[in-house]
N, C-alpha and C. Protein backbone atom coordinates (compact mmCIF):
# COMPACT_ATOMS: atom_id res chain seq x y z
N MET A 1 -165.76 -22.16 161.43
CA MET A 1 -164.35 -22.20 161.68
C MET A 1 -164.11 -22.94 162.99
N ALA A 2 -163.24 -23.94 162.95
CA ALA A 2 -162.96 -24.74 164.14
C ALA A 2 -161.73 -24.19 164.87
N HIS A 3 -161.81 -24.19 166.18
CA HIS A 3 -160.70 -23.73 167.02
C HIS A 3 -160.29 -24.86 167.94
N SER A 4 -159.01 -24.95 168.21
CA SER A 4 -158.50 -25.97 169.12
C SER A 4 -158.07 -25.30 170.41
N TYR A 5 -158.35 -25.95 171.52
CA TYR A 5 -157.92 -25.47 172.83
C TYR A 5 -157.05 -26.55 173.44
N VAL A 6 -155.79 -26.23 173.70
CA VAL A 6 -154.84 -27.21 174.23
C VAL A 6 -154.47 -26.79 175.65
N VAL A 7 -154.53 -27.75 176.58
CA VAL A 7 -154.19 -27.46 177.97
C VAL A 7 -153.47 -28.68 178.55
N THR A 8 -152.55 -28.42 179.46
CA THR A 8 -151.86 -29.50 180.16
C THR A 8 -152.66 -29.86 181.40
N ALA A 9 -153.12 -31.10 181.48
CA ALA A 9 -153.97 -31.50 182.59
C ALA A 9 -153.17 -32.05 183.77
N HIS A 10 -151.99 -32.56 183.52
CA HIS A 10 -151.19 -33.19 184.59
C HIS A 10 -149.89 -32.43 184.80
N LYS A 11 -149.40 -32.49 186.01
CA LYS A 11 -148.10 -31.91 186.32
C LYS A 11 -147.02 -32.76 185.67
N PRO A 12 -145.88 -32.15 185.32
CA PRO A 12 -144.79 -32.95 184.76
C PRO A 12 -144.25 -33.94 185.79
N THR A 13 -143.82 -35.11 185.35
CA THR A 13 -143.31 -36.13 186.26
C THR A 13 -141.84 -36.45 186.03
N ALA A 14 -141.31 -36.15 184.87
CA ALA A 14 -139.90 -36.44 184.58
C ALA A 14 -139.00 -35.37 185.18
N VAL A 15 -137.97 -35.79 185.88
CA VAL A 15 -137.02 -34.86 186.49
C VAL A 15 -135.99 -34.47 185.45
N THR A 16 -135.84 -33.16 185.21
CA THR A 16 -134.88 -32.66 184.23
C THR A 16 -133.57 -32.21 184.88
N ALA A 17 -133.62 -31.85 186.17
CA ALA A 17 -132.41 -31.46 186.90
C ALA A 17 -132.69 -31.58 188.39
N CYS A 18 -131.63 -31.80 189.17
CA CYS A 18 -131.79 -31.84 190.63
C CYS A 18 -130.49 -31.41 191.29
N VAL A 19 -130.63 -30.78 192.47
CA VAL A 19 -129.49 -30.35 193.27
C VAL A 19 -129.81 -30.56 194.75
N THR A 20 -128.77 -30.66 195.57
CA THR A 20 -128.94 -30.74 197.02
C THR A 20 -128.07 -29.68 197.67
N GLY A 21 -128.54 -29.18 198.81
CA GLY A 21 -127.79 -28.17 199.54
C GLY A 21 -128.63 -27.57 200.64
N ASN A 22 -128.14 -26.49 201.21
CA ASN A 22 -128.83 -25.79 202.30
C ASN A 22 -129.52 -24.56 201.74
N PHE A 23 -130.68 -24.76 201.11
CA PHE A 23 -131.39 -23.69 200.42
C PHE A 23 -132.36 -22.97 201.35
N THR A 24 -133.13 -23.70 202.15
CA THR A 24 -134.15 -23.07 203.00
C THR A 24 -133.57 -22.51 204.28
N SER A 25 -132.55 -23.15 204.84
CA SER A 25 -131.90 -22.64 206.04
C SER A 25 -130.51 -23.28 206.14
N PRO A 26 -129.63 -22.71 206.97
CA PRO A 26 -128.28 -23.27 207.09
C PRO A 26 -128.26 -24.68 207.70
N ASP A 27 -129.32 -25.04 208.43
CA ASP A 27 -129.36 -26.33 209.11
C ASP A 27 -130.08 -27.43 208.34
N ASP A 28 -130.92 -27.07 207.36
CA ASP A 28 -131.71 -28.05 206.61
C ASP A 28 -130.96 -28.51 205.37
N LEU A 29 -131.04 -29.80 205.09
CA LEU A 29 -130.55 -30.34 203.83
C LEU A 29 -131.74 -30.44 202.89
N ASN A 30 -131.64 -29.79 201.73
CA ASN A 30 -132.75 -29.72 200.79
C ASN A 30 -132.44 -30.46 199.51
N LEU A 31 -133.47 -31.05 198.93
CA LEU A 31 -133.43 -31.63 197.60
C LEU A 31 -134.34 -30.77 196.74
N ILE A 32 -133.80 -30.23 195.64
CA ILE A 32 -134.58 -29.40 194.73
C ILE A 32 -134.64 -30.12 193.39
N LEU A 33 -135.87 -30.41 192.95
CA LEU A 33 -136.10 -31.10 191.69
C LEU A 33 -136.69 -30.13 190.68
N ALA A 34 -136.18 -30.14 189.46
CA ALA A 34 -136.77 -29.39 188.36
C ALA A 34 -137.49 -30.40 187.48
N LYS A 35 -138.77 -30.18 187.31
CA LYS A 35 -139.58 -31.03 186.44
C LYS A 35 -140.18 -30.13 185.36
N ASN A 36 -139.44 -29.98 184.27
CA ASN A 36 -139.84 -29.16 183.13
C ASN A 36 -140.04 -27.71 183.55
N THR A 37 -141.26 -27.27 183.85
CA THR A 37 -141.54 -25.88 184.21
C THR A 37 -141.83 -25.72 185.70
N ARG A 38 -141.56 -26.73 186.50
CA ARG A 38 -141.85 -26.67 187.94
C ARG A 38 -140.60 -26.96 188.76
N LEU A 39 -140.54 -26.33 189.92
CA LEU A 39 -139.51 -26.63 190.91
C LEU A 39 -140.21 -27.21 192.14
N GLU A 40 -139.68 -28.30 192.64
CA GLU A 40 -140.20 -28.90 193.86
C GLU A 40 -139.08 -28.89 194.89
N ILE A 41 -139.35 -28.34 196.06
CA ILE A 41 -138.35 -28.22 197.12
C ILE A 41 -138.74 -29.15 198.26
N TYR A 42 -137.80 -30.02 198.65
CA TYR A 42 -138.01 -30.98 199.73
C TYR A 42 -136.95 -30.76 200.80
N VAL A 43 -137.27 -31.13 202.05
CA VAL A 43 -136.28 -31.18 203.11
C VAL A 43 -136.03 -32.66 203.42
N VAL A 44 -134.76 -33.01 203.59
CA VAL A 44 -134.38 -34.40 203.88
C VAL A 44 -134.42 -34.58 205.40
N THR A 45 -135.23 -35.53 205.86
CA THR A 45 -135.36 -35.84 207.28
C THR A 45 -135.00 -37.31 207.50
N PRO A 46 -134.81 -37.75 208.74
CA PRO A 46 -134.55 -39.17 209.00
C PRO A 46 -135.70 -40.08 208.54
N GLU A 47 -136.91 -39.54 208.51
CA GLU A 47 -138.07 -40.33 208.06
C GLU A 47 -138.20 -40.38 206.54
N GLY A 48 -137.52 -39.49 205.84
CA GLY A 48 -137.60 -39.45 204.38
C GLY A 48 -137.71 -38.02 203.89
N LEU A 49 -138.25 -37.84 202.69
CA LEU A 49 -138.40 -36.51 202.10
C LEU A 49 -139.72 -35.88 202.54
N ARG A 50 -139.66 -34.60 202.91
CA ARG A 50 -140.87 -33.86 203.27
C ARG A 50 -141.00 -32.69 202.30
N PRO A 51 -142.12 -32.59 201.55
CA PRO A 51 -142.27 -31.48 200.59
C PRO A 51 -142.41 -30.14 201.33
N ILE A 52 -141.73 -29.14 200.80
CA ILE A 52 -141.75 -27.79 201.39
C ILE A 52 -142.53 -26.82 200.51
N LYS A 53 -142.18 -26.76 199.24
CA LYS A 53 -142.79 -25.78 198.35
C LYS A 53 -142.71 -26.26 196.91
N GLU A 54 -143.69 -25.85 196.12
CA GLU A 54 -143.71 -26.13 194.68
C GLU A 54 -143.90 -24.81 193.95
N ILE A 55 -143.05 -24.57 192.96
CA ILE A 55 -143.03 -23.30 192.25
C ILE A 55 -143.23 -23.56 190.76
N VAL A 56 -144.07 -22.75 190.13
CA VAL A 56 -144.25 -22.83 188.68
C VAL A 56 -143.40 -21.73 188.04
N LEU A 57 -142.64 -22.09 187.02
CA LEU A 57 -141.78 -21.15 186.31
C LEU A 57 -142.30 -20.91 184.90
N TYR A 58 -142.00 -19.74 184.37
CA TYR A 58 -142.33 -19.45 182.99
C TYR A 58 -141.11 -19.78 182.15
N GLY A 59 -140.97 -21.03 181.76
CA GLY A 59 -139.84 -21.50 180.98
C GLY A 59 -139.40 -22.87 181.45
N LYS A 60 -138.83 -23.63 180.54
CA LYS A 60 -138.33 -24.97 180.86
C LYS A 60 -136.93 -24.87 181.46
N VAL A 61 -136.71 -25.55 182.57
CA VAL A 61 -135.42 -25.52 183.24
C VAL A 61 -134.41 -26.33 182.45
N ALA A 62 -133.28 -25.69 182.10
CA ALA A 62 -132.21 -26.38 181.37
C ALA A 62 -131.10 -26.78 182.34
N LYS A 63 -130.63 -25.85 183.17
CA LYS A 63 -129.56 -26.11 184.13
C LYS A 63 -129.91 -25.46 185.46
N MET A 64 -129.36 -26.05 186.53
CA MET A 64 -129.64 -25.56 187.87
C MET A 64 -128.42 -25.83 188.73
N LYS A 65 -128.05 -24.87 189.57
CA LYS A 65 -126.86 -25.02 190.41
C LYS A 65 -127.07 -24.24 191.72
N LEU A 66 -126.73 -24.87 192.85
CA LEU A 66 -126.72 -24.17 194.13
C LEU A 66 -125.31 -23.66 194.39
N TYR A 67 -125.21 -22.45 194.90
CA TYR A 67 -123.92 -21.89 195.27
C TYR A 67 -124.09 -21.03 196.50
N ARG A 68 -122.99 -20.78 197.20
CA ARG A 68 -123.04 -19.98 198.42
C ARG A 68 -122.05 -18.81 198.29
N PRO A 69 -122.57 -17.57 198.23
CA PRO A 69 -121.68 -16.42 198.23
C PRO A 69 -120.96 -16.31 199.58
N GLY A 70 -119.87 -15.56 199.61
CA GLY A 70 -119.07 -15.45 200.82
C GLY A 70 -119.79 -14.81 201.99
N ASN A 71 -120.76 -13.94 201.74
CA ASN A 71 -121.44 -13.25 202.83
C ASN A 71 -122.75 -13.91 203.26
N GLU A 72 -123.09 -15.06 202.72
CA GLU A 72 -124.35 -15.74 203.05
C GLU A 72 -124.07 -16.96 203.91
N ASN A 73 -125.10 -17.37 204.68
CA ASN A 73 -124.98 -18.59 205.49
C ASN A 73 -125.80 -19.74 204.92
N LYS A 74 -126.50 -19.50 203.81
CA LYS A 74 -127.23 -20.56 203.11
C LYS A 74 -127.05 -20.38 201.61
N ASP A 75 -127.46 -21.38 200.85
CA ASP A 75 -127.22 -21.40 199.41
C ASP A 75 -128.24 -20.59 198.63
N LEU A 76 -127.83 -20.10 197.48
CA LEU A 76 -128.70 -19.46 196.51
C LEU A 76 -128.80 -20.39 195.30
N LEU A 77 -129.89 -20.29 194.56
CA LEU A 77 -130.14 -21.17 193.42
C LEU A 77 -129.99 -20.39 192.12
N PHE A 78 -129.05 -20.82 191.27
CA PHE A 78 -128.90 -20.26 189.93
C PHE A 78 -129.65 -21.17 188.98
N LEU A 79 -130.49 -20.59 188.14
CA LEU A 79 -131.34 -21.37 187.26
C LEU A 79 -131.26 -20.80 185.85
N LEU A 80 -131.15 -21.67 184.84
CA LEU A 80 -131.10 -21.26 183.45
C LEU A 80 -132.19 -22.00 182.68
N THR A 81 -132.98 -21.26 181.91
CA THR A 81 -134.04 -21.88 181.12
C THR A 81 -133.53 -22.19 179.71
N CYS A 82 -134.31 -22.93 178.96
CA CYS A 82 -133.93 -23.32 177.60
C CYS A 82 -133.82 -22.13 176.65
N ARG A 83 -134.47 -21.03 176.97
CA ARG A 83 -134.38 -19.81 176.15
C ARG A 83 -133.38 -18.82 176.72
N TYR A 84 -132.44 -19.33 177.53
CA TYR A 84 -131.33 -18.57 178.07
C TYR A 84 -131.74 -17.45 179.03
N ASN A 85 -132.83 -17.61 179.72
CA ASN A 85 -133.18 -16.69 180.79
C ASN A 85 -132.56 -17.23 182.07
N ALA A 86 -131.77 -16.41 182.73
CA ALA A 86 -131.08 -16.82 183.95
C ALA A 86 -131.68 -16.08 185.14
N MET A 87 -131.65 -16.73 186.31
CA MET A 87 -132.16 -16.10 187.52
C MET A 87 -131.45 -16.66 188.73
N VAL A 88 -131.37 -15.85 189.77
CA VAL A 88 -130.82 -16.26 191.06
C VAL A 88 -131.96 -16.15 192.06
N LEU A 89 -132.28 -17.28 192.71
CA LEU A 89 -133.40 -17.34 193.65
C LEU A 89 -132.90 -17.55 195.06
N GLU A 90 -133.62 -16.95 196.02
CA GLU A 90 -133.30 -17.09 197.43
C GLU A 90 -134.56 -17.48 198.18
N CYS A 91 -134.40 -18.34 199.19
CA CYS A 91 -135.51 -18.76 200.03
C CYS A 91 -135.52 -17.90 201.29
N VAL A 92 -136.68 -17.30 201.60
CA VAL A 92 -136.84 -16.47 202.79
C VAL A 92 -137.98 -17.06 203.61
N GLN A 93 -137.67 -17.39 204.87
CA GLN A 93 -138.68 -17.95 205.77
C GLN A 93 -139.19 -16.86 206.70
N GLN A 94 -140.52 -16.74 206.79
CA GLN A 94 -141.16 -15.82 207.72
C GLN A 94 -142.21 -16.59 208.49
N ARG A 95 -141.90 -16.91 209.74
CA ARG A 95 -142.76 -17.71 210.61
C ARG A 95 -143.13 -19.02 209.94
N ASP A 96 -144.37 -19.18 209.49
CA ASP A 96 -144.84 -20.44 208.90
C ASP A 96 -144.79 -20.45 207.38
N SER A 97 -144.49 -19.32 206.76
CA SER A 97 -144.52 -19.26 205.29
C SER A 97 -143.10 -19.22 204.74
N ILE A 98 -142.96 -19.78 203.56
CA ILE A 98 -141.68 -19.78 202.84
C ILE A 98 -141.90 -19.06 201.53
N GLU A 99 -141.09 -18.04 201.29
CA GLU A 99 -141.17 -17.27 200.05
C GLU A 99 -139.88 -17.47 199.26
N ILE A 100 -140.02 -17.57 197.96
CA ILE A 100 -138.87 -17.64 197.06
C ILE A 100 -138.81 -16.30 196.34
N ILE A 101 -137.70 -15.58 196.55
CA ILE A 101 -137.57 -14.26 195.93
C ILE A 101 -136.48 -14.31 194.85
N THR A 102 -136.64 -13.46 193.86
CA THR A 102 -135.67 -13.37 192.78
C THR A 102 -134.67 -12.28 193.12
N LYS A 103 -133.41 -12.65 193.29
CA LYS A 103 -132.37 -11.68 193.61
C LYS A 103 -131.83 -11.01 192.34
N ALA A 104 -131.78 -11.75 191.24
CA ALA A 104 -131.31 -11.20 189.96
C ALA A 104 -131.90 -12.03 188.83
N HIS A 105 -132.05 -11.40 187.67
CA HIS A 105 -132.55 -12.13 186.49
C HIS A 105 -132.11 -11.40 185.23
N GLY A 106 -132.15 -12.09 184.13
CA GLY A 106 -131.80 -11.50 182.85
C GLY A 106 -131.67 -12.56 181.77
N ASN A 107 -131.51 -12.10 180.54
CA ASN A 107 -131.34 -13.00 179.41
C ASN A 107 -129.87 -13.02 179.05
N VAL A 108 -129.28 -14.21 179.00
CA VAL A 108 -127.85 -14.35 178.72
C VAL A 108 -127.59 -14.89 177.32
N ALA A 109 -128.58 -14.81 176.45
CA ALA A 109 -128.42 -15.30 175.07
C ALA A 109 -127.48 -14.39 174.30
N ASP A 110 -126.76 -14.97 173.35
CA ASP A 110 -125.88 -14.20 172.48
C ASP A 110 -126.73 -13.43 171.49
N ARG A 111 -126.58 -12.13 171.45
CA ARG A 111 -127.41 -11.30 170.57
C ARG A 111 -126.92 -11.31 169.13
N ILE A 112 -125.70 -11.75 168.91
CA ILE A 112 -125.13 -11.77 167.57
C ILE A 112 -125.07 -13.22 167.10
N GLY A 113 -125.57 -13.49 165.92
CA GLY A 113 -125.52 -14.84 165.38
C GLY A 113 -126.67 -15.69 165.87
N ARG A 114 -126.56 -16.97 165.56
CA ARG A 114 -127.57 -17.93 165.96
C ARG A 114 -126.89 -19.10 166.65
N ALA A 115 -127.68 -19.88 167.34
CA ALA A 115 -127.15 -21.08 167.98
C ALA A 115 -126.69 -22.05 166.89
N SER A 116 -125.58 -22.72 167.11
CA SER A 116 -125.04 -23.62 166.09
C SER A 116 -125.82 -24.92 165.99
N CYS A 117 -126.53 -25.28 167.04
CA CYS A 117 -127.34 -26.49 167.01
C CYS A 117 -128.60 -26.26 167.82
N ARG A 118 -129.52 -27.15 167.70
CA ARG A 118 -130.80 -26.99 168.40
C ARG A 118 -130.91 -27.92 169.59
N GLU A 119 -129.78 -28.33 170.12
CA GLU A 119 -129.80 -29.22 171.29
C GLU A 119 -130.07 -28.40 172.53
N ARG A 120 -130.35 -29.13 173.62
CA ARG A 120 -130.57 -28.47 174.90
C ARG A 120 -129.29 -27.81 175.38
N VAL A 121 -129.44 -26.85 176.23
CA VAL A 121 -128.31 -26.09 176.78
C VAL A 121 -127.37 -26.99 177.53
């Protein structure tokens, strides 16, 4: 009996979504790129883009939006996957390390009926 083993050897290169805002701190301008199942966070400097963090997600990113609640001084990231899993992410800096924490998550799919088409969200 033959078995197949399939693995992805390379990181995704096509950008599926991108946003800019103050995600890491109130003073930094950030560029956040979604490449299929990965998030890449950059800070914009006069010299160019400097990579900050790369995050692997369980799900393909469909939509992404930065927003700022009234009580915050920096932006939060709302993210929606192709299977309608939604999450709100926050960047927390502690000395030299940057952590991305999940403030909220859940599935926002309609439980009644089916999707009318099979296109992307």
